[in-house]
Amino acid sequence: RRAVIARQKVQVFKPLIDDRYHEKRVTSHNGLDFDARPVSFASEILTQVDPDTTVIAIDEVQFFDADVINICEKLADQGKRVICAGLDTDFRGVPFGPIPDLMARAEEVDKLHAICVVCGEEANRTQRLINGQPAAYDDPIVLVGAAEVYEARCRQCHAVNLSQS
């Protein structure tokens, strides 16, 4: 948003599987939304960046494979500002996809937290619910959904069903 206000050319990319709100837009939980190009693979980003773009934003980066790390490095080496947004842990509390490597290589990391829907404290976990109950540890890692499937939780209120699904 700050780059748009500064009149920098911004391009936003998102994984094709993220169709929660809109196919060609990204929407934050506070209602801000931006045009976005959905891509199936991170490698497609390199071919779709306009030469005059100065800021590249990649939303839901946890859904891309490790190739996104090299893509971000190449764009940064070209002088582009690369902003990645995504969950650092999955619903089990385990590091999620390429996020740990991206955080380690980033010049700057802002780790934002929501508010726990149970107790109101700072939330640092994502609670997946299936029929109102914590998902099983061995459930598939990726399940695209919004408020009906996921909730922000703090460490104390987060739960994972350790039985098999």
N, C-alpha and C. Protein backbone atom coordinates (compact mmCIF):
# COMPACT_ATOMS: atom_id res chain seq x y z
N ARG A 1 0.82 -1.19 0.00
CA ARG A 1 0.00 0.00 0.00
C ARG A 1 0.87 1.26 0.00
N ARG A 2 1.95 1.25 0.80
CA ARG A 2 2.83 2.41 0.86
C ARG A 2 3.48 2.69 -0.50
N ALA A 3 3.84 1.61 -1.22
CA ALA A 3 4.45 1.78 -2.54
C ALA A 3 3.46 2.41 -3.51
N VAL A 4 2.20 2.04 -3.42
CA VAL A 4 1.17 2.62 -4.29
C VAL A 4 1.02 4.10 -3.98
N ILE A 5 0.99 4.44 -2.70
CA ILE A 5 0.88 5.85 -2.29
C ILE A 5 2.08 6.64 -2.82
N ALA A 6 3.27 6.00 -2.82
CA ALA A 6 4.49 6.65 -3.31
C ALA A 6 4.58 6.65 -4.84
N ARG A 7 3.54 6.15 -5.49
CA ARG A 7 3.43 6.11 -6.96
C ARG A 7 4.52 5.26 -7.61
N GLN A 8 4.92 4.21 -6.90
CA GLN A 8 5.84 3.26 -7.49
C GLN A 8 5.02 2.23 -8.27
N LYS A 9 5.60 1.70 -9.32
CA LYS A 9 4.91 0.67 -10.11
C LYS A 9 4.97 -0.64 -9.33
N VAL A 10 3.81 -1.16 -8.98
CA VAL A 10 3.69 -2.36 -8.17
C VAL A 10 2.97 -3.43 -8.97
N GLN A 11 3.47 -4.66 -8.88
CA GLN A 11 2.75 -5.82 -9.41
C GLN A 11 2.58 -6.82 -8.28
N VAL A 12 1.38 -7.35 -8.20
CA VAL A 12 1.06 -8.32 -7.16
C VAL A 12 0.79 -9.67 -7.81
N PHE A 13 1.38 -10.71 -7.23
CA PHE A 13 1.19 -12.08 -7.71
C PHE A 13 0.64 -12.93 -6.57
N LYS A 14 -0.08 -13.96 -6.96
CA LYS A 14 -0.62 -14.88 -5.96
C LYS A 14 -0.72 -16.26 -6.57
N PRO A 15 -0.71 -17.29 -5.75
CA PRO A 15 -0.84 -18.65 -6.29
C PRO A 15 -2.26 -18.87 -6.84
N LEU A 16 -2.34 -19.56 -7.94
CA LEU A 16 -3.62 -19.82 -8.59
C LEU A 16 -4.60 -20.52 -7.65
N ILE A 17 -4.11 -21.33 -6.74
CA ILE A 17 -5.03 -22.07 -5.85
C ILE A 17 -5.72 -21.18 -4.83
N ASP A 18 -5.24 -19.96 -4.63
CA ASP A 18 -5.86 -19.06 -3.66
C ASP A 18 -7.01 -18.31 -4.31
N ASP A 19 -8.19 -18.89 -4.22
CA ASP A 19 -9.37 -18.26 -4.82
C ASP A 19 -10.44 -17.96 -3.78
N ARG A 20 -10.00 -17.71 -2.54
CA ARG A 20 -10.95 -17.49 -1.44
C ARG A 20 -11.87 -16.31 -1.68
N TYR A 21 -11.33 -15.19 -2.12
CA TYR A 21 -12.14 -13.99 -2.26
C TYR A 21 -12.40 -13.63 -3.71
N HIS A 22 -11.35 -13.65 -4.50
CA HIS A 22 -11.47 -13.26 -5.90
C HIS A 22 -10.30 -13.85 -6.66
N GLU A 23 -10.56 -14.27 -7.88
CA GLU A 23 -9.52 -14.94 -8.67
C GLU A 23 -8.35 -14.03 -9.02
N LYS A 24 -8.61 -12.75 -9.32
CA LYS A 24 -7.55 -11.86 -9.78
C LYS A 24 -7.34 -10.66 -8.86
N ARG A 25 -7.60 -10.85 -7.59
CA ARG A 25 -7.36 -9.81 -6.59
C ARG A 25 -6.85 -10.48 -5.32
N VAL A 26 -6.13 -9.72 -4.51
CA VAL A 26 -5.80 -10.17 -3.17
C VAL A 26 -6.54 -9.25 -2.21
N THR A 27 -7.08 -9.84 -1.18
CA THR A 27 -7.85 -9.10 -0.20
C THR A 27 -7.31 -9.40 1.18
N SER A 28 -7.02 -8.36 1.92
CA SER A 28 -6.55 -8.55 3.29
C SER A 28 -7.75 -8.76 4.19
N HIS A 29 -7.48 -9.25 5.39
CA HIS A 29 -8.57 -9.48 6.34
C HIS A 29 -9.19 -8.18 6.83
N ASN A 30 -8.51 -7.05 6.60
CA ASN A 30 -9.11 -5.77 6.98
C ASN A 30 -9.80 -5.08 5.81
N GLY A 31 -9.94 -5.80 4.68
CA GLY A 31 -10.74 -5.29 3.58
C GLY A 31 -10.01 -4.61 2.45
N LEU A 32 -8.71 -4.34 2.59
CA LEU A 32 -7.97 -3.74 1.47
C LEU A 32 -7.80 -4.78 0.38
N ASP A 33 -7.93 -4.34 -0.89
CA ASP A 33 -7.68 -5.31 -1.95
C ASP A 33 -6.95 -4.65 -3.11
N PHE A 34 -6.24 -5.51 -3.86
CA PHE A 34 -5.40 -5.06 -4.96
C PHE A 34 -5.53 -6.04 -6.12
N ASP A 35 -5.35 -5.53 -7.34
CA ASP A 35 -5.29 -6.41 -8.50
C ASP A 35 -4.10 -7.34 -8.34
N ALA A 36 -4.27 -8.59 -8.76
CA ALA A 36 -3.18 -9.56 -8.65
C ALA A 36 -3.21 -10.49 -9.85
N ARG A 37 -2.04 -10.98 -10.21
CA ARG A 37 -1.93 -11.97 -11.27
C ARG A 37 -1.78 -13.35 -10.64
N PRO A 38 -2.74 -14.22 -10.87
CA PRO A 38 -2.59 -15.58 -10.35
C PRO A 38 -1.61 -16.38 -11.21
N VAL A 39 -0.72 -17.12 -10.57
CA VAL A 39 0.24 -17.95 -11.28
C VAL A 39 0.24 -19.35 -10.68
N SER A 40 0.44 -20.33 -11.53
CA SER A 40 0.50 -21.72 -11.06
C SER A 40 1.83 -22.05 -10.43
N PHE A 41 2.90 -21.46 -10.97
CA PHE A 41 4.25 -21.74 -10.49
C PHE A 41 5.01 -20.43 -10.30
N ALA A 42 5.88 -20.39 -9.32
CA ALA A 42 6.66 -19.18 -9.03
C ALA A 42 7.47 -18.74 -10.25
N SER A 43 7.94 -19.68 -11.06
CA SER A 43 8.76 -19.33 -12.23
C SER A 43 8.00 -18.43 -13.20
N GLU A 44 6.69 -18.48 -13.20
CA GLU A 44 5.89 -17.63 -14.09
C GLU A 44 6.01 -16.15 -13.72
N ILE A 45 6.35 -15.87 -12.49
CA ILE A 45 6.46 -14.48 -12.05
C ILE A 45 7.53 -13.75 -12.86
N LEU A 46 8.69 -14.40 -13.05
CA LEU A 46 9.78 -13.75 -13.80
C LEU A 46 9.36 -13.31 -15.19
N THR A 47 8.56 -14.11 -15.86
CA THR A 47 8.15 -13.78 -17.23
C THR A 47 7.03 -12.74 -17.28
N GLN A 48 6.40 -12.47 -16.14
CA GLN A 48 5.26 -11.55 -16.13
C GLN A 48 5.57 -10.20 -15.48
N VAL A 49 6.78 -10.02 -14.99
CA VAL A 49 7.14 -8.74 -14.38
C VAL A 49 7.43 -7.73 -15.48
N ASP A 50 6.74 -6.60 -15.45
CA ASP A 50 6.97 -5.53 -16.40
C ASP A 50 8.32 -4.86 -16.11
N PRO A 51 9.05 -4.44 -17.14
CA PRO A 51 10.38 -3.86 -16.93
C PRO A 51 10.38 -2.64 -16.01
N ASP A 52 9.31 -1.84 -16.04
CA ASP A 52 9.28 -0.62 -15.23
C ASP A 52 8.71 -0.84 -13.82
N THR A 53 8.43 -2.08 -13.47
CA THR A 53 7.94 -2.38 -12.12
C THR A 53 9.09 -2.28 -11.13
N THR A 54 8.84 -1.59 -10.03
CA THR A 54 9.88 -1.46 -9.00
C THR A 54 9.59 -2.30 -7.76
N VAL A 55 8.31 -2.63 -7.56
CA VAL A 55 7.92 -3.41 -6.37
C VAL A 55 7.10 -4.61 -6.80
N ILE A 56 7.53 -5.78 -6.37
CA ILE A 56 6.80 -7.02 -6.64
C ILE A 56 6.32 -7.57 -5.30
N ALA A 57 5.02 -7.79 -5.21
CA ALA A 57 4.45 -8.39 -4.00
C ALA A 57 3.95 -9.78 -4.35
N ILE A 58 4.25 -10.73 -3.48
CA ILE A 58 3.80 -12.12 -3.67
C ILE A 58 3.00 -12.50 -2.44
N ASP A 59 1.72 -12.74 -2.64
CA ASP A 59 0.83 -13.08 -1.53
C ASP A 59 0.74 -14.59 -1.37
N GLU A 60 0.45 -15.03 -0.16
CA GLU A 60 0.29 -16.46 0.14
C GLU A 60 1.48 -17.27 -0.37
N VAL A 61 2.67 -16.74 -0.15
CA VAL A 61 3.90 -17.33 -0.69
C VAL A 61 4.15 -18.75 -0.16
N GLN A 62 3.54 -19.10 0.95
CA GLN A 62 3.72 -20.45 1.51
C GLN A 62 3.18 -21.53 0.57
N PHE A 63 2.30 -21.16 -0.35
CA PHE A 63 1.73 -22.15 -1.27
C PHE A 63 2.63 -22.47 -2.46
N PHE A 64 3.72 -21.72 -2.62
CA PHE A 64 4.66 -21.99 -3.71
C PHE A 64 5.73 -22.97 -3.25
N ASP A 65 6.36 -23.65 -4.20
CA ASP A 65 7.45 -24.55 -3.84
C ASP A 65 8.73 -23.73 -3.62
N ALA A 66 9.81 -24.43 -3.32
CA ALA A 66 11.07 -23.77 -2.97
C ALA A 66 11.64 -22.92 -4.10
N ASP A 67 11.17 -23.11 -5.33
CA ASP A 67 11.64 -22.30 -6.46
C ASP A 67 11.37 -20.82 -6.23
N VAL A 68 10.38 -20.49 -5.44
CA VAL A 68 10.05 -19.08 -5.19
C VAL A 68 11.23 -18.36 -4.51
N ILE A 69 12.04 -19.09 -3.78
CA ILE A 69 13.21 -18.48 -3.13
C ILE A 69 14.17 -17.92 -4.17
N ASN A 70 14.49 -18.74 -5.19
CA ASN A 70 15.39 -18.29 -6.26
C ASN A 70 14.76 -17.16 -7.08
N ILE A 71 13.46 -17.22 -7.28
CA ILE A 71 12.77 -16.16 -8.03
C ILE A 71 12.90 -14.84 -7.28
N CYS A 72 12.66 -14.86 -5.98
CA CYS A 72 12.79 -13.64 -5.18
C CYS A 72 14.22 -13.11 -5.20
N GLU A 73 15.19 -14.01 -5.10
CA GLU A 73 16.61 -13.59 -5.15
C GLU A 73 16.92 -12.92 -6.49
N LYS A 74 16.46 -13.52 -7.60
CA LYS A 74 16.73 -12.95 -8.93
C LYS A 74 16.10 -11.56 -9.06
N LEU A 75 14.87 -11.42 -8.60
CA LEU A 75 14.20 -10.12 -8.68
C LEU A 75 14.92 -9.08 -7.83
N ALA A 76 15.33 -9.47 -6.64
CA ALA A 76 16.06 -8.54 -5.76
C ALA A 76 17.41 -8.16 -6.39
N ASP A 77 18.08 -9.12 -7.02
CA ASP A 77 19.35 -8.85 -7.69
C ASP A 77 19.18 -7.88 -8.86
N GLN A 78 17.97 -7.82 -9.42
CA GLN A 78 17.66 -6.89 -10.50
C GLN A 78 17.29 -5.50 -9.97
N GLY A 79 17.35 -5.34 -8.65
CA GLY A 79 17.03 -4.05 -8.06
C GLY A 79 15.56 -3.86 -7.71
N LYS A 80 14.80 -4.92 -7.82
CA LYS A 80 13.37 -4.83 -7.48
C LYS A 80 13.21 -4.99 -5.97
N ARG A 81 12.22 -4.32 -5.43
CA ARG A 81 11.84 -4.53 -4.03
C ARG A 81 10.82 -5.66 -4.03
N VAL A 82 11.11 -6.72 -3.29
CA VAL A 82 10.25 -7.90 -3.27
C VAL A 82 9.61 -8.01 -1.89
N ILE A 83 8.30 -8.04 -1.87
CA ILE A 83 7.55 -8.17 -0.63
C ILE A 83 6.78 -9.48 -0.67
N CYS A 84 7.05 -10.34 0.28
CA CYS A 84 6.36 -11.63 0.35
C CYS A 84 5.48 -11.64 1.59
N ALA A 85 4.28 -12.15 1.42
CA ALA A 85 3.37 -12.28 2.56
C ALA A 85 2.89 -13.72 2.62
N GLY A 86 2.85 -14.25 3.82
CA GLY A 86 2.38 -15.62 3.97
C GLY A 86 2.47 -16.08 5.41
N LEU A 87 1.96 -17.25 5.64
CA LEU A 87 2.00 -17.85 6.97
C LEU A 87 3.35 -18.52 7.21
N ASP A 88 3.95 -18.25 8.36
CA ASP A 88 5.24 -18.87 8.65
C ASP A 88 5.10 -20.28 9.20
N THR A 89 3.93 -20.61 9.74
CA THR A 89 3.68 -21.98 10.21
C THR A 89 2.34 -22.46 9.68
N ASP A 90 2.22 -23.78 9.55
CA ASP A 90 0.95 -24.35 9.10
C ASP A 90 0.02 -24.53 10.29
N PHE A 91 -1.11 -25.16 10.07
CA PHE A 91 -2.11 -25.31 11.14
C PHE A 91 -1.61 -26.15 12.32
N ARG A 92 -0.52 -26.90 12.10
CA ARG A 92 0.05 -27.73 13.17
C ARG A 92 1.08 -26.96 13.99
N GLY A 93 1.48 -25.79 13.51
CA GLY A 93 2.53 -25.02 14.16
C GLY A 93 3.91 -25.34 13.63
N VAL A 94 3.98 -26.02 12.49
CA VAL A 94 5.24 -26.44 11.86
C VAL A 94 5.62 -25.43 10.78
N PRO A 95 6.92 -25.06 10.64
CA PRO A 95 7.32 -24.14 9.57
C PRO A 95 6.73 -24.54 8.22
N PHE A 96 6.25 -23.54 7.49
CA PHE A 96 5.42 -23.75 6.31
C PHE A 96 6.16 -23.43 5.02
N GLY A 97 6.36 -24.45 4.19
CA GLY A 97 6.91 -24.28 2.85
C GLY A 97 8.20 -23.50 2.82
N PRO A 98 8.32 -22.55 1.87
CA PRO A 98 9.57 -21.81 1.70
C PRO A 98 9.75 -20.64 2.67
N ILE A 99 8.77 -20.41 3.52
CA ILE A 99 8.82 -19.22 4.39
C ILE A 99 10.09 -19.14 5.25
N PRO A 100 10.51 -20.21 5.94
CA PRO A 100 11.72 -20.07 6.77
C PRO A 100 12.95 -19.61 5.97
N ASP A 101 13.14 -20.17 4.77
CA ASP A 101 14.28 -19.76 3.95
C ASP A 101 14.13 -18.32 3.47
N LEU A 102 12.92 -17.93 3.11
CA LEU A 102 12.69 -16.55 2.67
C LEU A 102 12.97 -15.57 3.81
N MET A 103 12.53 -15.93 5.01
CA MET A 103 12.77 -15.04 6.16
C MET A 103 14.25 -14.93 6.46
N ALA A 104 14.98 -16.02 6.32
CA ALA A 104 16.42 -16.00 6.59
C ALA A 104 17.18 -15.14 5.58
N ARG A 105 16.71 -15.09 4.34
CA ARG A 105 17.40 -14.34 3.28
C ARG A 105 16.94 -12.89 3.15
N ALA A 106 15.83 -12.56 3.78
CA ALA A 106 15.24 -11.22 3.64
C ALA A 106 16.10 -10.15 4.30
N GLU A 107 16.10 -8.97 3.69
CA GLU A 107 16.77 -7.83 4.32
C GLU A 107 15.97 -7.34 5.52
N GLU A 108 14.67 -7.53 5.45
CA GLU A 108 13.80 -7.05 6.53
C GLU A 108 12.65 -8.03 6.69
N VAL A 109 12.28 -8.30 7.93
CA VAL A 109 11.16 -9.20 8.21
C VAL A 109 10.21 -8.50 9.18
N ASP A 110 8.97 -8.39 8.79
CA ASP A 110 7.93 -7.89 9.68
C ASP A 110 7.00 -9.06 9.96
N LYS A 111 6.98 -9.50 11.18
CA LYS A 111 6.10 -10.61 11.55
C LYS A 111 4.88 -10.02 12.24
N LEU A 112 3.76 -10.08 11.55
CA LEU A 112 2.52 -9.50 12.05
C LEU A 112 1.69 -10.57 12.74
N HIS A 113 0.91 -10.15 13.70
CA HIS A 113 0.06 -11.07 14.44
C HIS A 113 -1.38 -10.58 14.44
N ALA A 114 -2.28 -11.52 14.42
CA ALA A 114 -3.70 -11.21 14.55
C ALA A 114 -4.05 -11.25 16.04
N ILE A 115 -5.33 -11.23 16.33
CA ILE A 115 -5.81 -11.33 17.70
C ILE A 115 -6.48 -12.69 17.87
N CYS A 116 -6.15 -13.38 18.94
CA CYS A 116 -6.73 -14.70 19.22
C CYS A 116 -8.25 -14.56 19.37
N VAL A 117 -8.98 -15.36 18.61
CA VAL A 117 -10.44 -15.29 18.65
C VAL A 117 -11.02 -15.88 19.94
N VAL A 118 -10.19 -16.60 20.70
CA VAL A 118 -10.66 -17.23 21.93
C VAL A 118 -10.47 -16.30 23.13
N CYS A 119 -9.23 -15.79 23.30
CA CYS A 119 -8.92 -15.04 24.52
C CYS A 119 -8.59 -13.57 24.31
N GLY A 120 -8.36 -13.16 23.05
CA GLY A 120 -8.06 -11.76 22.78
C GLY A 120 -6.60 -11.38 22.86
N GLU A 121 -5.73 -12.34 23.18
CA GLU A 121 -4.29 -12.07 23.21
C GLU A 121 -3.74 -12.06 21.78
N GLU A 122 -2.45 -11.73 21.66
CA GLU A 122 -1.79 -11.74 20.36
C GLU A 122 -1.76 -13.17 19.81
N ALA A 123 -2.19 -13.36 18.58
CA ALA A 123 -2.24 -14.69 17.97
C ALA A 123 -1.01 -14.93 17.11
N ASN A 124 -0.38 -16.08 17.30
CA ASN A 124 0.77 -16.45 16.49
C ASN A 124 0.60 -17.84 15.88
N ARG A 125 -0.61 -18.34 15.87
CA ARG A 125 -0.91 -19.66 15.31
C ARG A 125 -2.16 -19.57 14.44
N THR A 126 -2.27 -20.53 13.53
CA THR A 126 -3.46 -20.66 12.69
C THR A 126 -4.18 -21.94 13.10
N GLN A 127 -5.38 -21.80 13.56
CA GLN A 127 -6.18 -22.94 13.99
C GLN A 127 -7.06 -23.39 12.83
N ARG A 128 -6.88 -24.64 12.40
CA ARG A 128 -7.78 -25.19 11.38
C ARG A 128 -8.88 -25.96 12.10
N LEU A 129 -10.11 -25.70 11.71
CA LEU A 129 -11.26 -26.38 12.29
C LEU A 129 -11.99 -27.19 11.23
N ILE A 130 -12.36 -28.39 11.58
CA ILE A 130 -13.19 -29.24 10.73
C ILE A 130 -14.45 -29.53 11.55
N ASN A 131 -15.57 -29.05 11.04
CA ASN A 131 -16.84 -29.17 11.77
C ASN A 131 -16.72 -28.64 13.20
N GLY A 132 -16.00 -27.52 13.35
CA GLY A 132 -15.86 -26.88 14.64
C GLY A 132 -14.82 -27.47 15.57
N GLN A 133 -14.13 -28.52 15.14
CA GLN A 133 -13.13 -29.20 15.98
C GLN A 133 -11.74 -29.07 15.36
N PRO A 134 -10.68 -29.07 16.19
CA PRO A 134 -9.32 -28.99 15.64
C PRO A 134 -9.05 -30.10 14.63
N ALA A 135 -8.41 -29.74 13.53
CA ALA A 135 -8.05 -30.71 12.49
C ALA A 135 -7.03 -31.70 13.03
N ALA A 136 -6.99 -32.87 12.42
CA ALA A 136 -6.02 -33.89 12.80
C ALA A 136 -4.63 -33.52 12.27
N TYR A 137 -3.61 -33.86 13.02
CA TYR A 137 -2.22 -33.54 12.67
C TYR A 137 -1.86 -34.04 11.27
N ASP A 138 -2.37 -35.20 10.88
CA ASP A 138 -1.99 -35.77 9.59
C ASP A 138 -2.94 -35.37 8.45
N ASP A 139 -3.84 -34.42 8.68
CA ASP A 139 -4.67 -33.91 7.59
C ASP A 139 -3.77 -33.24 6.55
N PRO A 140 -4.25 -33.09 5.31
CA PRO A 140 -3.44 -32.40 4.30
C PRO A 140 -3.04 -31.00 4.77
N ILE A 141 -1.82 -30.60 4.46
CA ILE A 141 -1.32 -29.31 4.90
C ILE A 141 -2.08 -28.17 4.23
N VAL A 142 -2.34 -28.28 2.94
CA VAL A 142 -2.99 -27.20 2.20
C VAL A 142 -4.48 -27.48 2.07
N LEU A 143 -5.25 -26.54 2.59
CA LEU A 143 -6.71 -26.54 2.46
C LEU A 143 -7.10 -25.08 2.39
N VAL A 144 -7.37 -24.59 1.19
CA VAL A 144 -7.66 -23.17 1.03
C VAL A 144 -9.03 -22.89 1.62
N GLY A 145 -9.07 -21.91 2.49
CA GLY A 145 -10.33 -21.54 3.12
C GLY A 145 -10.19 -20.22 3.84
N ALA A 146 -11.29 -19.76 4.37
CA ALA A 146 -11.28 -18.48 5.07
C ALA A 146 -11.77 -18.69 6.50
N ALA A 147 -12.62 -17.79 6.96
CA ALA A 147 -13.02 -17.80 8.37
C ALA A 147 -13.75 -19.07 8.78
N GLU A 148 -14.41 -19.74 7.85
CA GLU A 148 -15.15 -20.94 8.22
C GLU A 148 -14.24 -22.12 8.51
N VAL A 149 -12.97 -22.05 8.11
CA VAL A 149 -12.03 -23.16 8.29
C VAL A 149 -10.88 -22.78 9.25
N TYR A 150 -10.48 -21.52 9.23
CA TYR A 150 -9.31 -21.10 10.00
C TYR A 150 -9.65 -19.99 10.99
N GLU A 151 -8.94 -20.01 12.12
CA GLU A 151 -9.05 -18.96 13.12
C GLU A 151 -7.66 -18.60 13.61
N ALA A 152 -7.49 -17.34 13.98
CA ALA A 152 -6.25 -16.90 14.62
C ALA A 152 -6.30 -17.30 16.08
N ARG A 153 -5.21 -17.90 16.56
CA ARG A 153 -5.14 -18.34 17.96
C ARG A 153 -3.76 -18.04 18.53
N CYS A 154 -3.72 -17.86 19.84
CA CYS A 154 -2.46 -17.75 20.54
C CYS A 154 -1.95 -19.17 20.85
N ARG A 155 -0.74 -19.26 21.35
CA ARG A 155 -0.15 -20.57 21.66
C ARG A 155 -1.02 -21.36 22.64
N GLN A 156 -1.55 -20.69 23.66
CA GLN A 156 -2.31 -21.39 24.68
C GLN A 156 -3.67 -21.90 24.17
N CYS A 157 -4.28 -21.19 23.24
CA CYS A 157 -5.61 -21.56 22.75
C CYS A 157 -5.57 -22.44 21.50
N HIS A 158 -4.38 -22.58 20.90
CA HIS A 158 -4.22 -23.40 19.70
C HIS A 158 -4.23 -24.88 20.07
N ALA A 159 -4.91 -25.67 19.27
CA ALA A 159 -4.96 -27.12 19.53
C ALA A 159 -4.86 -27.87 18.21
N VAL A 160 -4.21 -29.02 18.27
CA VAL A 160 -4.13 -29.92 17.11
C VAL A 160 -4.58 -31.29 17.59
N ASN A 161 -5.46 -31.90 16.83
CA ASN A 161 -5.94 -33.25 17.15
C ASN A 161 -4.83 -34.22 16.73
N LEU A 162 -4.21 -34.86 17.70
CA LEU A 162 -3.08 -35.76 17.41
C LEU A 162 -3.52 -37.14 16.94
N SER A 163 -4.81 -37.43 16.97
CA SER A 163 -5.27 -38.72 16.44
C SER A 163 -5.28 -38.65 14.91
N GLN A 164 -5.27 -39.80 14.28
CA GLN A 164 -5.24 -39.84 12.82
C GLN A 164 -6.61 -39.53 12.26
N SER A 165 -6.60 -38.88 11.09
CA SER A 165 -7.87 -38.51 10.46
C SER A 165 -8.50 -39.70 9.76
